[in-house]
Amino acid sequence: WQGPPFIVFFFYYLLTLLGGVTMLMALRP
């Protein structure tokens, strides 16, 4: 977590874990 690449990949996969479904939910916190 001290390096930006891991942080970027972690949150990218969390956002896209179920593709558009997780993106839809992320837009309505």
PDB file of all heavy atoms in Angstrom:
ATOM      1  N   TRP A   1       0.814  -1.213   0.000  1.00  0.00           N
ATOM      2  CA  TRP A   1       0.000   0.000   0.000  1.00  0.00           C
ATOM      3  C   TRP A   1       0.852   1.269   0.000  1.00  0.00           C
ATOM      4  O   TRP A   1       0.325   2.372  -0.161  1.00  0.00           O
ATOM      5  CB  TRP A   1      -0.931   0.004   1.212  1.00  0.00           C
ATOM      6  CG  TRP A   1      -2.094  -0.910   1.023  1.00  0.00           C
ATOM      7  CD1 TRP A   1      -2.155  -2.236   1.330  1.00  0.00           C
ATOM      8  CD2 TRP A   1      -3.363  -0.580   0.453  1.00  0.00           C
ATOM      9  NE1 TRP A   1      -3.380  -2.758   0.988  1.00  0.00           N
ATOM     10  CE2 TRP A   1      -4.139  -1.762   0.453  1.00  0.00           C
ATOM     11  CE3 TRP A   1      -3.908   0.596  -0.045  1.00  0.00           C
ATOM     12  CZ2 TRP A   1      -5.443  -1.791  -0.032  1.00  0.00           C
ATOM     13  CZ3 TRP A   1      -5.212   0.574  -0.539  1.00  0.00           C
ATOM     14  CH2 TRP A   1      -5.964  -0.613  -0.519  1.00  0.00           C
ATOM     15  N   GLN A   2       2.144   1.132   0.157  1.00  0.00           N
ATOM     16  CA  GLN A   2       3.014   2.299   0.122  1.00  0.00           C
ATOM     17  C   GLN A   2       3.257   2.790  -1.300  1.00  0.00           C
ATOM     18  O   GLN A   2       3.749   3.902  -1.500  1.00  0.00           O
ATOM     19  CB  GLN A   2       4.360   1.971   0.790  1.00  0.00           C
ATOM     20  CG  GLN A   2       4.239   1.645   2.273  1.00  0.00           C
ATOM     21  CD  GLN A   2       5.558   1.222   2.887  1.00  0.00           C
ATOM     22  OE1 GLN A   2       6.578   1.129   2.214  1.00  0.00           O
ATOM     23  NE2 GLN A   2       5.550   0.971   4.188  1.00  0.00           N
ATOM     24  N   GLY A   3       2.917   1.968  -2.287  1.00  0.00           N
ATOM     25  CA  GLY A   3       3.123   2.344  -3.677  1.00  0.00           C
ATOM     26  C   GLY A   3       1.810   2.588  -4.399  1.00  0.00           C
ATOM     27  O   GLY A   3       0.834   1.846  -4.201  1.00  0.00           O
ATOM     28  N   PRO A   4       1.731   3.600  -5.248  1.00  0.00           N
ATOM     29  CA  PRO A   4       0.488   3.914  -5.983  1.00  0.00           C
ATOM     30  C   PRO A   4      -0.050   2.773  -6.848  1.00  0.00           C
ATOM     31  O   PRO A   4      -1.274   2.629  -6.933  1.00  0.00           O
ATOM     32  CB  PRO A   4       0.890   5.122  -6.839  1.00  0.00           C
ATOM     33  CG  PRO A   4       2.035   5.741  -6.107  1.00  0.00           C
ATOM     34  CD  PRO A   4       2.787   4.598  -5.493  1.00  0.00           C
ATOM     35  N   PRO A   5       0.791   1.959  -7.524  1.00  0.00           N
ATOM     36  CA  PRO A   5       0.221   0.921  -8.401  1.00  0.00           C
ATOM     37  C   PRO A   5      -0.740  -0.023  -7.682  1.00  0.00           C
ATOM     38  O   PRO A   5      -1.825  -0.297  -8.194  1.00  0.00           O
ATOM     39  CB  PRO A   5       1.463   0.178  -8.919  1.00  0.00           C
ATOM     40  CG  PRO A   5       2.549   1.192  -8.893  1.00  0.00           C
ATOM     41  CD  PRO A   5       2.271   2.006  -7.655  1.00  0.00           C
ATOM     42  N   PHE A   6      -0.359  -0.507  -6.506  1.00  0.00           N
ATOM     43  CA  PHE A   6      -1.238  -1.431  -5.794  1.00  0.00           C
ATOM     44  C   PHE A   6      -2.548  -0.749  -5.415  1.00  0.00           C
ATOM     45  O   PHE A   6      -3.628  -1.339  -5.539  1.00  0.00           O
ATOM     46  CB  PHE A   6      -0.551  -1.966  -4.534  1.00  0.00           C
ATOM     47  CG  PHE A   6      -1.362  -3.010  -3.812  1.00  0.00           C
ATOM     48  CD1 PHE A   6      -1.311  -4.341  -4.197  1.00  0.00           C
ATOM     49  CD2 PHE A   6      -2.201  -2.662  -2.763  1.00  0.00           C
ATOM     50  CE1 PHE A   6      -2.077  -5.303  -3.545  1.00  0.00           C
ATOM     51  CE2 PHE A   6      -2.966  -3.616  -2.110  1.00  0.00           C
ATOM     52  CZ  PHE A   6      -2.906  -4.940  -2.496  1.00  0.00           C
ATOM     53  N   ILE A   7      -2.476   0.494  -4.977  1.00  0.00           N
ATOM     54  CA  ILE A   7      -3.684   1.230  -4.587  1.00  0.00           C
ATOM     55  C   ILE A   7      -4.617   1.384  -5.785  1.00  0.00           C
ATOM     56  O   ILE A   7      -5.828   1.171  -5.689  1.00  0.00           O
ATOM     57  CB  ILE A   7      -3.301   2.609  -4.013  1.00  0.00           C
ATOM     58  CG1 ILE A   7      -2.479   2.431  -2.733  1.00  0.00           C
ATOM     59  CG2 ILE A   7      -4.546   3.436  -3.729  1.00  0.00           C
ATOM     60  CD1 ILE A   7      -1.912   3.732  -2.189  1.00  0.00           C
ATOM     61  N   VAL A   8      -4.046   1.745  -6.935  1.00  0.00           N
ATOM     62  CA  VAL A   8      -4.855   1.932  -8.144  1.00  0.00           C
ATOM     63  C   VAL A   8      -5.521   0.625  -8.546  1.00  0.00           C
ATOM     64  O   VAL A   8      -6.731   0.582  -8.818  1.00  0.00           O
ATOM     65  CB  VAL A   8      -3.989   2.474  -9.298  1.00  0.00           C
ATOM     66  CG1 VAL A   8      -4.774   2.440 -10.612  1.00  0.00           C
ATOM     67  CG2 VAL A   8      -3.530   3.895  -8.999  1.00  0.00           C
ATOM     68  N   PHE A   9      -4.739  -0.454  -8.576  1.00  0.00           N
ATOM     69  CA  PHE A   9      -5.305  -1.749  -8.973  1.00  0.00           C
ATOM     70  C   PHE A   9      -6.351  -2.212  -7.972  1.00  0.00           C
ATOM     71  O   PHE A   9      -7.387  -2.769  -8.357  1.00  0.00           O
ATOM     72  CB  PHE A   9      -4.207  -2.798  -9.105  1.00  0.00           C
ATOM     73  CG  PHE A   9      -3.308  -2.595 -10.280  1.00  0.00           C
ATOM     74  CD1 PHE A   9      -1.927  -2.684 -10.142  1.00  0.00           C
ATOM     75  CD2 PHE A   9      -3.823  -2.309 -11.534  1.00  0.00           C
ATOM     76  CE1 PHE A   9      -1.087  -2.495 -11.227  1.00  0.00           C
ATOM     77  CE2 PHE A   9      -2.989  -2.120 -12.631  1.00  0.00           C
ATOM     78  CZ  PHE A   9      -1.611  -2.210 -12.477  1.00  0.00           C
ATOM     79  N   PHE A  10      -6.120  -2.001  -6.683  1.00  0.00           N
ATOM     80  CA  PHE A  10      -7.061  -2.456  -5.660  1.00  0.00           C
ATOM     81  C   PHE A  10      -8.428  -1.815  -5.867  1.00  0.00           C
ATOM     82  O   PHE A  10      -9.458  -2.495  -5.883  1.00  0.00           O
ATOM     83  CB  PHE A  10      -6.525  -2.136  -4.266  1.00  0.00           C
ATOM     84  CG  PHE A  10      -7.310  -2.761  -3.154  1.00  0.00           C
ATOM     85  CD1 PHE A  10      -6.973  -4.024  -2.675  1.00  0.00           C
ATOM     86  CD2 PHE A  10      -8.386  -2.108  -2.568  1.00  0.00           C
ATOM     87  CE1 PHE A  10      -7.702  -4.616  -1.646  1.00  0.00           C
ATOM     88  CE2 PHE A  10      -9.120  -2.689  -1.543  1.00  0.00           C
ATOM     89  CZ  PHE A  10      -8.775  -3.953  -1.081  1.00  0.00           C
ATOM     90  N   PHE A  11      -8.440  -0.506  -6.034  1.00  0.00           N
ATOM     91  CA  PHE A  11      -9.721   0.186  -6.166  1.00  0.00           C
ATOM     92  C   PHE A  11     -10.325   0.020  -7.560  1.00  0.00           C
ATOM     93  O   PHE A  11     -11.550   0.042  -7.711  1.00  0.00           O
ATOM     94  CB  PHE A  11      -9.560   1.660  -5.791  1.00  0.00           C
ATOM     95  CG  PHE A  11      -9.417   1.871  -4.319  1.00  0.00           C
ATOM     96  CD1 PHE A  11      -8.191   2.169  -3.758  1.00  0.00           C
ATOM     97  CD2 PHE A  11     -10.512   1.732  -3.476  1.00  0.00           C
ATOM     98  CE1 PHE A  11      -8.045   2.345  -2.387  1.00  0.00           C
ATOM     99  CE2 PHE A  11     -10.385   1.906  -2.100  1.00  0.00           C
ATOM    100  CZ  PHE A  11      -9.147   2.202  -1.556  1.00  0.00           C
ATOM    101  N   TYR A  12      -9.480  -0.191  -8.567  1.00  0.00           N
ATOM    102  CA  TYR A  12     -10.024  -0.481  -9.898  1.00  0.00           C
ATOM    103  C   TYR A  12     -10.802  -1.787  -9.871  1.00  0.00           C
ATOM    104  O   TYR A  12     -11.937  -1.861 -10.358  1.00  0.00           O
ATOM    105  CB  TYR A  12      -8.900  -0.573 -10.939  1.00  0.00           C
ATOM    106  CG  TYR A  12      -9.389  -1.122 -12.256  1.00  0.00           C
ATOM    107  CD1 TYR A  12     -10.023  -0.302 -13.186  1.00  0.00           C
ATOM    108  CD2 TYR A  12      -9.263  -2.483 -12.564  1.00  0.00           C
ATOM    109  CE1 TYR A  12     -10.504  -0.803 -14.385  1.00  0.00           C
ATOM    110  CE2 TYR A  12      -9.747  -2.997 -13.768  1.00  0.00           C
ATOM    111  CZ  TYR A  12     -10.360  -2.147 -14.663  1.00  0.00           C
ATOM    112  OH  TYR A  12     -10.856  -2.655 -15.849  1.00  0.00           O
ATOM    113  N   TYR A  13     -10.212  -2.822  -9.305  1.00  0.00           N
ATOM    114  CA  TYR A  13     -10.901  -4.117  -9.269  1.00  0.00           C
ATOM    115  C   TYR A  13     -12.110  -4.087  -8.343  1.00  0.00           C
ATOM    116  O   TYR A  13     -13.112  -4.756  -8.614  1.00  0.00           O
ATOM    117  CB  TYR A  13      -9.929  -5.221  -8.852  1.00  0.00           C
ATOM    118  CG  TYR A  13      -8.956  -5.593  -9.931  1.00  0.00           C
ATOM    119  CD1 TYR A  13      -7.579  -5.518  -9.727  1.00  0.00           C
ATOM    120  CD2 TYR A  13      -9.405  -5.999 -11.186  1.00  0.00           C
ATOM    121  CE1 TYR A  13      -6.688  -5.846 -10.729  1.00  0.00           C
ATOM    122  CE2 TYR A  13      -8.513  -6.332 -12.194  1.00  0.00           C
ATOM    123  CZ  TYR A  13      -7.158  -6.256 -11.957  1.00  0.00           C
ATOM    124  OH  TYR A  13      -6.275  -6.571 -12.956  1.00  0.00           O
ATOM    125  N   LEU A  14     -12.047  -3.315  -7.266  1.00  0.00           N
ATOM    126  CA  LEU A  14     -13.205  -3.195  -6.387  1.00  0.00           C
ATOM    127  C   LEU A  14     -14.361  -2.523  -7.124  1.00  0.00           C
ATOM    128  O   LEU A  14     -15.519  -2.930  -6.992  1.00  0.00           O
ATOM    129  CB  LEU A  14     -12.825  -2.385  -5.147  1.00  0.00           C
ATOM    130  CG  LEU A  14     -13.821  -2.386  -3.983  1.00  0.00           C
ATOM    131  CD1 LEU A  14     -14.041  -3.792  -3.443  1.00  0.00           C
ATOM    132  CD2 LEU A  14     -13.322  -1.475  -2.862  1.00  0.00           C
ATOM    133  N   LEU A  15     -14.040  -1.528  -7.944  1.00  0.00           N
ATOM    134  CA  LEU A  15     -15.060  -0.815  -8.702  1.00  0.00           C
ATOM    135  C   LEU A  15     -15.651  -1.675  -9.806  1.00  0.00           C
ATOM    136  O   LEU A  15     -16.850  -1.605 -10.093  1.00  0.00           O
ATOM    137  CB  LEU A  15     -14.458   0.458  -9.303  1.00  0.00           C
ATOM    138  CG  LEU A  15     -15.372   1.293 -10.213  1.00  0.00           C
ATOM    139  CD1 LEU A  15     -16.529   1.890  -9.417  1.00  0.00           C
ATOM    140  CD2 LEU A  15     -14.572   2.390 -10.916  1.00  0.00           C
ATOM    141  N   THR A  16     -14.828  -2.508 -10.433  1.00  0.00           N
ATOM    142  CA  THR A  16     -15.259  -3.280 -11.609  1.00  0.00           C
ATOM    143  C   THR A  16     -15.460  -4.753 -11.295  1.00  0.00           C
ATOM    144  O   THR A  16     -15.561  -5.567 -12.209  1.00  0.00           O
ATOM    145  CB  THR A  16     -14.226  -3.146 -12.745  1.00  0.00           C
ATOM    146  OG1 THR A  16     -12.974  -3.714 -12.329  1.00  0.00           O
ATOM    147  CG2 THR A  16     -14.009  -1.697 -13.123  1.00  0.00           C
ATOM    148  N   LEU A  17     -15.540  -5.103 -10.023  1.00  0.00           N
ATOM    149  CA  LEU A  17     -15.609  -6.511  -9.632  1.00  0.00           C
ATOM    150  C   LEU A  17     -16.739  -7.248 -10.334  1.00  0.00           C
ATOM    151  O   LEU A  17     -16.570  -8.367 -10.819  1.00  0.00           O
ATOM    152  CB  LEU A  17     -15.779  -6.609  -8.112  1.00  0.00           C
ATOM    153  CG  LEU A  17     -15.632  -7.993  -7.495  1.00  0.00           C
ATOM    154  CD1 LEU A  17     -14.237  -8.549  -7.735  1.00  0.00           C
ATOM    155  CD2 LEU A  17     -15.910  -7.933  -5.997  1.00  0.00           C
ATOM    156  N   LEU A  18     -17.909  -6.617 -10.398  1.00  0.00           N
ATOM    157  CA  LEU A  18     -19.048  -7.160 -11.143  1.00  0.00           C
ATOM    158  C   LEU A  18     -19.403  -6.211 -12.290  1.00  0.00           C
ATOM    159  O   LEU A  18     -20.578  -5.977 -12.580  1.00  0.00           O
ATOM    160  CB  LEU A  18     -20.251  -7.385 -10.238  1.00  0.00           C
ATOM    161  CG  LEU A  18     -20.116  -8.473  -9.186  1.00  0.00           C
ATOM    162  CD1 LEU A  18     -21.399  -8.607  -8.365  1.00  0.00           C
ATOM    163  CD2 LEU A  18     -19.745  -9.821  -9.792  1.00  0.00           C
ATOM    164  N   GLY A  19     -18.399  -5.675 -12.921  1.00  0.00           N
ATOM    165  CA  GLY A  19     -18.617  -4.829 -14.085  1.00  0.00           C
ATOM    166  C   GLY A  19     -19.530  -3.657 -13.787  1.00  0.00           C
ATOM    167  O   GLY A  19     -19.349  -2.912 -12.816  1.00  0.00           O
ATOM    168  N   GLY A  20     -20.545  -3.486 -14.629  1.00  0.00           N
ATOM    169  CA  GLY A  20     -21.455  -2.368 -14.495  1.00  0.00           C
ATOM    170  C   GLY A  20     -22.280  -2.377 -13.228  1.00  0.00           C
ATOM    171  O   GLY A  20     -22.706  -1.312 -12.749  1.00  0.00           O
ATOM    172  N   VAL A  21     -22.521  -3.534 -12.644  1.00  0.00           N
ATOM    173  CA  VAL A  21     -23.321  -3.610 -11.419  1.00  0.00           C
ATOM    174  C   VAL A  21     -22.627  -2.888 -10.275  1.00  0.00           C
ATOM    175  O   VAL A  21     -23.236  -2.069  -9.570  1.00  0.00           O
ATOM    176  CB  VAL A  21     -23.610  -5.079 -11.053  1.00  0.00           C
ATOM    177  CG1 VAL A  21     -23.995  -5.204  -9.582  1.00  0.00           C
ATOM    178  CG2 VAL A  21     -24.737  -5.625 -11.904  1.00  0.00           C
ATOM    179  N   THR A  22     -21.348  -3.171 -10.055  1.00  0.00           N
ATOM    180  CA  THR A  22     -20.636  -2.495  -8.974  1.00  0.00           C
ATOM    181  C   THR A  22     -20.433  -1.017  -9.292  1.00  0.00           C
ATOM    182  O   THR A  22     -20.400  -0.181  -8.390  1.00  0.00           O
ATOM    183  CB  THR A  22     -19.289  -3.185  -8.692  1.00  0.00           C
ATOM    184  OG1 THR A  22     -18.685  -3.605  -9.924  1.00  0.00           O
ATOM    185  CG2 THR A  22     -19.471  -4.391  -7.802  1.00  0.00           C
ATOM    186  N   MET A  23     -20.311  -0.679 -10.577  1.00  0.00           N
ATOM    187  CA  MET A  23     -20.195   0.733 -10.950  1.00  0.00           C
ATOM    188  C   MET A  23     -21.493   1.476 -10.649  1.00  0.00           C
ATOM    189  O   MET A  23     -21.476   2.602 -10.136  1.00  0.00           O
ATOM    190  CB  MET A  23     -19.848   0.862 -12.428  1.00  0.00           C
ATOM    191  CG  MET A  23     -18.461   0.370 -12.783  1.00  0.00           C
ATOM    192  SD  MET A  23     -18.123   0.645 -14.529  1.00  0.00           S
ATOM    193  CE  MET A  23     -16.593  -0.261 -14.714  1.00  0.00           C
ATOM    194  N   LEU A  24     -22.623   0.885 -10.974  1.00  0.00           N
ATOM    195  CA  LEU A  24     -23.916   1.508 -10.676  1.00  0.00           C
ATOM    196  C   LEU A  24     -24.055   1.788  -9.184  1.00  0.00           C
ATOM    197  O   LEU A  24     -24.476   2.878  -8.779  1.00  0.00           O
ATOM    198  CB  LEU A  24     -25.055   0.598 -11.132  1.00  0.00           C
ATOM    199  CG  LEU A  24     -25.420   0.575 -12.612  1.00  0.00           C
ATOM    200  CD1 LEU A  24     -26.480  -0.489 -12.873  1.00  0.00           C
ATOM    201  CD2 LEU A  24     -25.917   1.951 -13.080  1.00  0.00           C
ATOM    202  N   MET A  25     -23.707   0.810  -8.365  1.00  0.00           N
ATOM    203  CA  MET A  25     -23.865   0.985  -6.928  1.00  0.00           C
ATOM    204  C   MET A  25     -22.888   2.023  -6.389  1.00  0.00           C
ATOM    205  O   MET A  25     -23.216   2.785  -5.475  1.00  0.00           O
ATOM    206  CB  MET A  25     -23.687  -0.358  -6.220  1.00  0.00           C
ATOM    207  CG  MET A  25     -24.820  -1.341  -6.517  1.00  0.00           C
ATOM    208  SD  MET A  25     -24.805  -2.794  -5.455  1.00  0.00           S
ATOM    209  CE  MET A  25     -23.313  -3.619  -6.020  1.00  0.00           C
ATOM    210  N   ALA A  26     -21.679   2.069  -6.964  1.00  0.00           N
ATOM    211  CA  ALA A  26     -20.689   3.044  -6.509  1.00  0.00           C
ATOM    212  C   ALA A  26     -21.151   4.470  -6.770  1.00  0.00           C
ATOM    213  O   ALA A  26     -20.763   5.398  -6.038  1.00  0.00           O
ATOM    214  CB  ALA A  26     -19.348   2.792  -7.198  1.00  0.00           C
ATOM    215  N   LEU A  27     -21.980   4.644  -7.790  1.00  0.00           N
ATOM    216  CA  LEU A  27     -22.480   5.980  -8.125  1.00  0.00           C
ATOM    217  C   LEU A  27     -23.628   6.427  -7.226  1.00  0.00           C
ATOM    218  O   LEU A  27     -24.051   7.575  -7.292  1.00  0.00           O
ATOM    219  CB  LEU A  27     -22.932   6.012  -9.592  1.00  0.00           C
ATOM    220  CG  LEU A  27     -21.805   5.911 -10.625  1.00  0.00           C
ATOM    221  CD1 LEU A  27     -22.372   5.764 -12.030  1.00  0.00           C
ATOM    222  CD2 LEU A  27     -20.889   7.128 -10.546  1.00  0.00           C
ATOM    223  N   ARG A  28     -24.138   5.524  -6.411  1.00  0.00           N
ATOM    224  CA  ARG A  28     -25.212   5.878  -5.473  1.00  0.00           C
ATOM    225  C   ARG A  28     -24.804   5.474  -4.049  1.00  0.00           C
ATOM    226  O   ARG A  28     -25.400   4.588  -3.433  1.00  0.00           O
ATOM    227  CB  ARG A  28     -26.521   5.197  -5.876  1.00  0.00           C
ATOM    228  CG  ARG A  28     -27.062   5.619  -7.220  1.00  0.00           C
ATOM    229  CD  ARG A  28     -27.380   7.115  -7.302  1.00  0.00           C
ATOM    230  NE  ARG A  28     -28.431   7.502  -6.382  1.00  0.00           N
ATOM    231  CZ  ARG A  28     -29.721   7.512  -6.695  1.00  0.00           C
ATOM    232  NH1 ARG A  28     -30.112   7.142  -7.923  1.00  0.00           N
ATOM    233  NH2 ARG A  28     -30.623   7.881  -5.819  1.00  0.00           N
ATOM    234  N   PRO A  29     -23.746   6.100  -3.522  1.00  0.00           N
ATOM    235  CA  PRO A  29     -23.256   5.722  -2.190  1.00  0.00           C
ATOM    236  C   PRO A  29     -24.294   5.885  -1.089  1.00  0.00           C
ATOM    237  O   PRO A  29     -24.261   5.150  -0.091  1.00  0.00           O
ATOM    238  CB  PRO A  29     -22.049   6.649  -1.977  1.00  0.00           C
ATOM    239  CG  PRO A  29     -22.270   7.801  -2.915  1.00  0.00           C
ATOM    240  CD  PRO A  29     -22.975   7.215  -4.098  1.00  0.00           C
TER     241      PRO A  29
END
